[in-house]
C-alpha atoms as a PDB file:
ATOM      1  CA  MET A   1      26.465 -30.507  -5.218  1.00  0.00           C
ATOM      2  CA  ALA A   2      23.692 -27.878  -5.269  1.00  0.00           C
ATOM      3  CA  LEU A   3      22.284 -26.647  -2.004  1.00  0.00           C
ATOM      4  CA  SER A   4      18.537 -27.004  -1.711  1.00  0.00           C
ATOM      5  CA  GLY A   5      16.784 -23.710  -1.187  1.00  0.00           C
ATOM      6  CA  ALA A   6      19.672 -21.748  -2.719  1.00  0.00           C
ATOM      7  CA  SER A   7      18.474 -18.595  -4.436  1.00  0.00           C
ATOM      8  CA  ASN A   8      19.601 -16.891  -7.607  1.00  0.00           C
ATOM      9  CA  TYR A   9      17.801 -13.714  -6.563  1.00  0.00           C
ATOM     10  CA  LYS A  10      20.096 -10.723  -6.210  1.00  0.00           C
ATOM     11  CA  THR A  11      19.237  -7.875  -3.849  1.00  0.00           C
ATOM     12  CA  GLU A  12      19.267  -4.538  -5.653  1.00  0.00           C
ATOM     13  CA  THR A  13      18.514  -1.000  -4.515  1.00  0.00           C
ATOM     14  CA  VAL A  14      17.096   2.252  -5.830  1.00  0.00           C
ATOM     15  CA  GLU A  15      17.425   5.431  -3.777  1.00  0.00           C
ATOM     16  CA  ALA A  16      16.239   9.016  -3.579  1.00  0.00           C
ATOM     17  CA  GLU A  17      16.791  11.918  -1.196  1.00  0.00           C
ATOM     18  CA  VAL A  18      14.150  14.467  -0.256  1.00  0.00           C
ATOM     19  CA  GLU A  19      14.996  17.819   1.346  1.00  0.00           C
ATOM     20  CA  ILE A  20      12.393  18.701   3.977  1.00  0.00           C
ATOM     21  CA  LYS A  21      11.557  22.081   5.461  1.00  0.00           C
ATOM     22  CA  SER A  22       9.476  20.809   8.378  1.00  0.00           C
ATOM     23  CA  ASN A  23      10.819  19.670  11.731  1.00  0.00           C
ATOM     24  CA  SER A  24      12.736  16.445  11.082  1.00  0.00           C
ATOM     25  CA  GLY A  25      11.800  15.034  14.497  1.00  0.00           C
ATOM     26  CA  LYS A  26       8.078  15.448  13.796  1.00  0.00           C
ATOM     27  CA  LEU A  27       8.446  13.877  10.363  1.00  0.00           C
ATOM     28  CA  PHE A  28      10.372  10.922  11.806  1.00  0.00           C
ATOM     29  CA  LYS A  29       7.680  10.425  14.456  1.00  0.00           C
ATOM     30  CA  LEU A  30       4.947  10.436  11.819  1.00  0.00           C
ATOM     31  CA  ILE A  31       6.681   7.911   9.530  1.00  0.00           C
ATOM     32  CA  SER A  32       7.816   5.675  12.405  1.00  0.00           C
ATOM     33  CA  ASN A  33       4.864   5.357  14.767  1.00  0.00           C
ATOM     34  CA  GLN A  34       2.048   7.626  13.612  1.00  0.00           C
ATOM     35  CA  HIS A  35       1.193   5.852  10.349  1.00  0.00           C
ATOM     36  CA  HIS A  36      -2.491   6.495  11.064  1.00  0.00           C
ATOM     37  CA  ASP A  37      -1.819  10.185  10.219  1.00  0.00           C
ATOM     38  CA  VAL A  38      -0.281   9.463   6.783  1.00  0.00           C
ATOM     39  CA  PRO A  39      -3.640   9.362   4.908  1.00  0.00           C
ATOM     40  CA  LYS A  40      -4.482  12.854   6.274  1.00  0.00           C
ATOM     41  CA  ALA A  41      -1.085  14.156   5.178  1.00  0.00           C
ATOM     42  CA  SER A  42      -0.908  12.581   1.717  1.00  0.00           C
ATOM     43  CA  SER A  43      -2.729  14.089  -1.256  1.00  0.00           C
ATOM     44  CA  ASP A  44      -5.147  11.212  -1.885  1.00  0.00           C
ATOM     45  CA  ASN A  45      -2.277   8.773  -2.524  1.00  0.00           C
ATOM     46  CA  VAL A  46      -2.628   6.834   0.728  1.00  0.00           C
ATOM     47  CA  HIS A  47      -6.235   5.966   1.575  1.00  0.00           C
ATOM     48  CA  ASP A  48      -5.949   3.901   4.730  1.00  0.00           C
ATOM     49  CA  VAL A  49      -3.509   2.333   7.156  1.00  0.00           C
ATOM     50  CA  ALA A  50      -4.652  -0.230   9.705  1.00  0.00           C
ATOM     51  CA  VAL A  51      -2.844  -2.219  12.380  1.00  0.00           C
ATOM     52  CA  HIS A  52      -2.944  -5.908  11.468  1.00  0.00           C
ATOM     53  CA  GLU A  53      -0.763  -7.184  14.361  1.00  0.00           C
ATOM     54  CA  GLY A  54       0.769  -5.302  17.288  1.00  0.00           C
ATOM     55  CA  ASP A  55       0.194  -1.560  17.582  1.00  0.00           C
ATOM     56  CA  TRP A  56       1.108   1.791  16.017  1.00  0.00           C
ATOM     57  CA  GLU A  57       4.350   2.290  17.950  1.00  0.00           C
ATOM     58  CA  THR A  58       6.219  -0.996  18.330  1.00  0.00           C
ATOM     59  CA  SER A  59       8.885  -2.482  16.072  1.00  0.00           C
ATOM     60  CA  GLY A  60       7.651  -5.743  14.644  1.00  0.00           C
ATOM     61  CA  SER A  61       4.069  -4.522  14.291  1.00  0.00           C
ATOM     62  CA  VAL A  62       2.315  -5.342  11.030  1.00  0.00           C
ATOM     63  CA  LYS A  63       0.247  -2.773   9.152  1.00  0.00           C
ATOM     64  CA  LEU A  64      -2.008  -2.974   6.111  1.00  0.00           C
ATOM     65  CA  TRP A  65      -1.795  -0.021   3.690  1.00  0.00           C
ATOM     66  CA  LYS A  66      -4.254   0.886   0.929  1.00  0.00           C
ATOM     67  CA  TYR A  67      -3.012   3.381  -1.667  1.00  0.00           C
ATOM     68  CA  THR A  68      -3.324   4.422  -5.307  1.00  0.00           C
ATOM     69  CA  LEU A  69      -0.387   4.175  -7.692  1.00  0.00           C
ATOM     70  CA  ASP A  70      -0.699   4.970 -11.401  1.00  0.00           C
ATOM     71  CA  GLY A  71      -4.503   4.961 -11.077  1.00  0.00           C
ATOM     72  CA  ASN A  72      -4.608   1.481  -9.507  1.00  0.00           C
ATOM     73  CA  VAL A  73      -5.625   0.773  -5.928  1.00  0.00           C
ATOM     74  CA  GLU A  74      -3.004  -1.424  -4.290  1.00  0.00           C
ATOM     75  CA  THR A  75      -2.528  -2.910  -0.844  1.00  0.00           C
ATOM     76  CA  LEU A  76       0.602  -3.703   1.104  1.00  0.00           C
ATOM     77  CA  LYS A  77       0.971  -5.626   4.345  1.00  0.00           C
ATOM     78  CA  GLU A  78       4.280  -4.719   5.938  1.00  0.00           C
ATOM     79  CA  LYS A  79       6.281  -5.254   9.099  1.00  0.00           C
ATOM     80  CA  VAL A  80       7.832  -2.119  10.582  1.00  0.00           C
ATOM     81  CA  GLU A  81      11.211  -1.881  12.301  1.00  0.00           C
ATOM     82  CA  ILE A  82      12.125   1.381  14.054  1.00  0.00           C
ATOM     83  CA  ASP A  83      15.661   2.458  14.962  1.00  0.00           C
ATOM     84  CA  GLU A  84      15.210   5.620  17.039  1.00  0.00           C
ATOM     85  CA  ALA A  85      18.946   6.186  17.549  1.00  0.00           C
ATOM     86  CA  ASN A  86      19.688   6.305  13.816  1.00  0.00           C
ATOM     87  CA  LYS A  87      16.316   7.836  12.825  1.00  0.00           C
ATOM     88  CA  LEU A  88      15.698   4.830  10.577  1.00  0.00           C
ATOM     89  CA  VAL A  89      12.381   3.186   9.703  1.00  0.00           C
ATOM     90  CA  SER A  90      12.129   0.064   7.560  1.00  0.00           C
ATOM     91  CA  LEU A  91       8.979  -1.481   6.150  1.00  0.00           C
ATOM     92  CA  THR A  92       9.332  -5.056   4.909  1.00  0.00           C
ATOM     93  CA  ALA A  93       6.650  -6.201   2.461  1.00  0.00           C
ATOM     94  CA  LEU A  94       4.877  -9.361   3.630  1.00  0.00           C
ATOM     95  CA  GLU A  95       1.992  -9.359   1.163  1.00  0.00           C
ATOM     96  CA  GLY A  96       0.970  -6.953  -1.568  1.00  0.00           C
ATOM     97  CA  SER A  97      -1.524  -6.770  -4.372  1.00  0.00           C
ATOM     98  CA  HIS A  98       1.008  -5.555  -6.940  1.00  0.00           C
ATOM     99  CA  VAL A  99       4.507  -5.007  -5.569  1.00  0.00           C
ATOM    100  CA  LEU A 100       5.121  -8.671  -4.799  1.00  0.00           C
ATOM    101  CA  GLU A 101       3.867  -9.748  -8.228  1.00  0.00           C
ATOM    102  CA  LYS A 102       7.114  -8.436  -9.761  1.00  0.00           C
ATOM    103  CA  TYR A 103       9.481  -8.590  -6.794  1.00  0.00           C
ATOM    104  CA  LYS A 104      10.353 -11.564  -4.612  1.00  0.00           C
ATOM    105  CA  SER A 105      11.038  -9.155  -1.782  1.00  0.00           C
ATOM    106  CA  CYS A 106      10.750  -5.452  -1.158  1.00  0.00           C
ATOM    107  CA  LYS A 107      11.973  -3.426   1.801  1.00  0.00           C
ATOM    108  CA  ILE A 108      11.445   0.324   2.142  1.00  0.00           C
ATOM    109  CA  ILE A 109      13.968   2.185   4.290  1.00  0.00           C
ATOM    110  CA  PHE A 110      13.569   5.791   5.409  1.00  0.00           C
ATOM    111  CA  GLN A 111      16.484   7.525   7.110  1.00  0.00           C
ATOM    112  CA  VAL A 112      15.868  11.015   8.468  1.00  0.00           C
ATOM    113  CA  THR A 113      18.868  13.309   8.944  1.00  0.00           C
ATOM    114  CA  PRO A 114      18.202  16.532  10.859  1.00  0.00           C
ATOM    115  CA  LYS A 115      19.685  19.805   9.657  1.00  0.00           C
ATOM    116  CA  SER A 116      19.732  23.199  11.349  1.00  0.00           C
ATOM    117  CA  GLU A 117      16.460  23.885   9.528  1.00  0.00           C
ATOM    118  CA  GLY A 118      14.463  20.938   8.239  1.00  0.00           C
ATOM    119  CA  GLY A 119      16.409  17.902   7.173  1.00  0.00           C
ATOM    120  CA  LEU A 120      16.944  15.215   4.620  1.00  0.00           C
ATOM    121  CA  VAL A 121      15.028  11.972   4.112  1.00  0.00           C
ATOM    122  CA  LYS A 122      16.880   9.223   2.283  1.00  0.00           C
ATOM    123  CA  ILE A 123      14.553   6.619   0.801  1.00  0.00           C
ATOM    124  CA  THR A 124      16.005   3.258  -0.170  1.00  0.00           C
ATOM    125  CA  LEU A 125      14.094   0.406  -1.786  1.00  0.00           C
ATOM    126  CA  GLU A 126      15.824  -2.955  -1.459  1.00  0.00           C
ATOM    127  CA  TYR A 127      14.260  -5.525  -3.765  1.00  0.00           C
ATOM    128  CA  GLN A 128      14.766  -8.813  -5.553  1.00  0.00           C
ATOM    129  CA  ARG A 129      13.268  -9.168  -9.037  1.00  0.00           C
ATOM    130  CA  LEU A 130      11.263 -12.277  -9.864  1.00  0.00           C
ATOM    131  CA  ASN A 131      12.193 -11.825 -13.533  1.00  0.00           C
ATOM    132  CA  GLU A 132      15.416 -10.138 -14.604  1.00  0.00           C
ATOM    133  CA  ASN A 133      13.488  -8.381 -17.400  1.00  0.00           C
ATOM    134  CA  ASP A 134      11.192  -6.582 -14.948  1.00  0.00           C
ATOM    135  CA  PRO A 135      12.111  -2.945 -14.396  1.00  0.00           C
ATOM    136  CA  PRO A 136      13.470  -1.584 -11.117  1.00  0.00           C
ATOM    137  CA  PRO A 137      10.675  -0.276  -8.855  1.00  0.00           C
ATOM    138  CA  HIS A 138      11.146   3.389  -9.821  1.00  0.00           C
ATOM    139  CA  LYS A 139       7.392   4.043  -9.775  1.00  0.00           C
ATOM    140  CA  TYR A 140       7.256   2.948  -6.122  1.00  0.00           C
ATOM    141  CA  LEU A 141      10.242   5.163  -5.326  1.00  0.00           C
ATOM    142  CA  ARG A 142       8.528   8.173  -6.986  1.00  0.00           C
ATOM    143  CA  PHE A 143       5.371   7.366  -5.014  1.00  0.00           C
ATOM    144  CA  LEU A 144       7.329   7.352  -1.727  1.00  0.00           C
ATOM    145  CA  VAL A 145       9.077  10.628  -2.621  1.00  0.00           C
ATOM    146  CA  ASN A 146       5.638  12.190  -3.219  1.00  0.00           C
ATOM    147  CA  VAL A 147       4.321  10.856   0.105  1.00  0.00           C
ATOM    148  CA  ILE A 148       7.306  12.341   2.002  1.00  0.00           C
ATOM    149  CA  GLN A 149       6.820  15.681   0.197  1.00  0.00           C
ATOM    150  CA  ASP A 150       3.113  15.618   1.122  1.00  0.00           C
ATOM    151  CA  ILE A 151       3.928  14.868   4.771  1.00  0.00           C
ATOM    152  CA  ASP A 152       6.495  17.694   4.791  1.00  0.00           C
ATOM    153  CA  ALA A 153       3.929  20.155   3.396  1.00  0.00           C
ATOM    154  CA  HIS A 154       1.300  18.924   5.887  1.00  0.00           C
ATOM    155  CA  LEU A 155       3.654  19.432   8.844  1.00  0.00           C
ATOM    156  CA  LEU A 156       4.501  22.948   7.658  1.00  0.00           C
ATOM    157  CA  GLU A 157       0.781  23.820   7.738  1.00  0.00           C
ATOM    158  CA  GLU A 158       0.370  22.729  11.380  1.00  0.00           C
END
């Protein structure tokens, strides 16, 4: 007997690590609850971030992002979860102009690990493909790596 609502979608991941030179605490603060500063810090990749529900600082808040990827303007509505103790931020895609056309689900996870100078940001994309022939979301991972590098450079200039 088949269960109704059962899914054949398999959760997969792609990951990258970014060494940062800036203060890891400041970078974590910016990516966890100062999203409004990301457009200033990114090199024209992220155009706007707006609160859709909740506020800038609370887990469970929903934000709407507008960004350019491969020359195309895209939007993403996401729900943020913040784990201060583990320096972890996750953004779960709720709606998106492009990302959810190829993926049933997409979750972005940033984990910041402090070092004596700077730190390390591990970026994980958890996703489920709608079509097994669609490629993994490497272009989104590269985009996120670039955004973290831009934020790092911005914080070093402060």
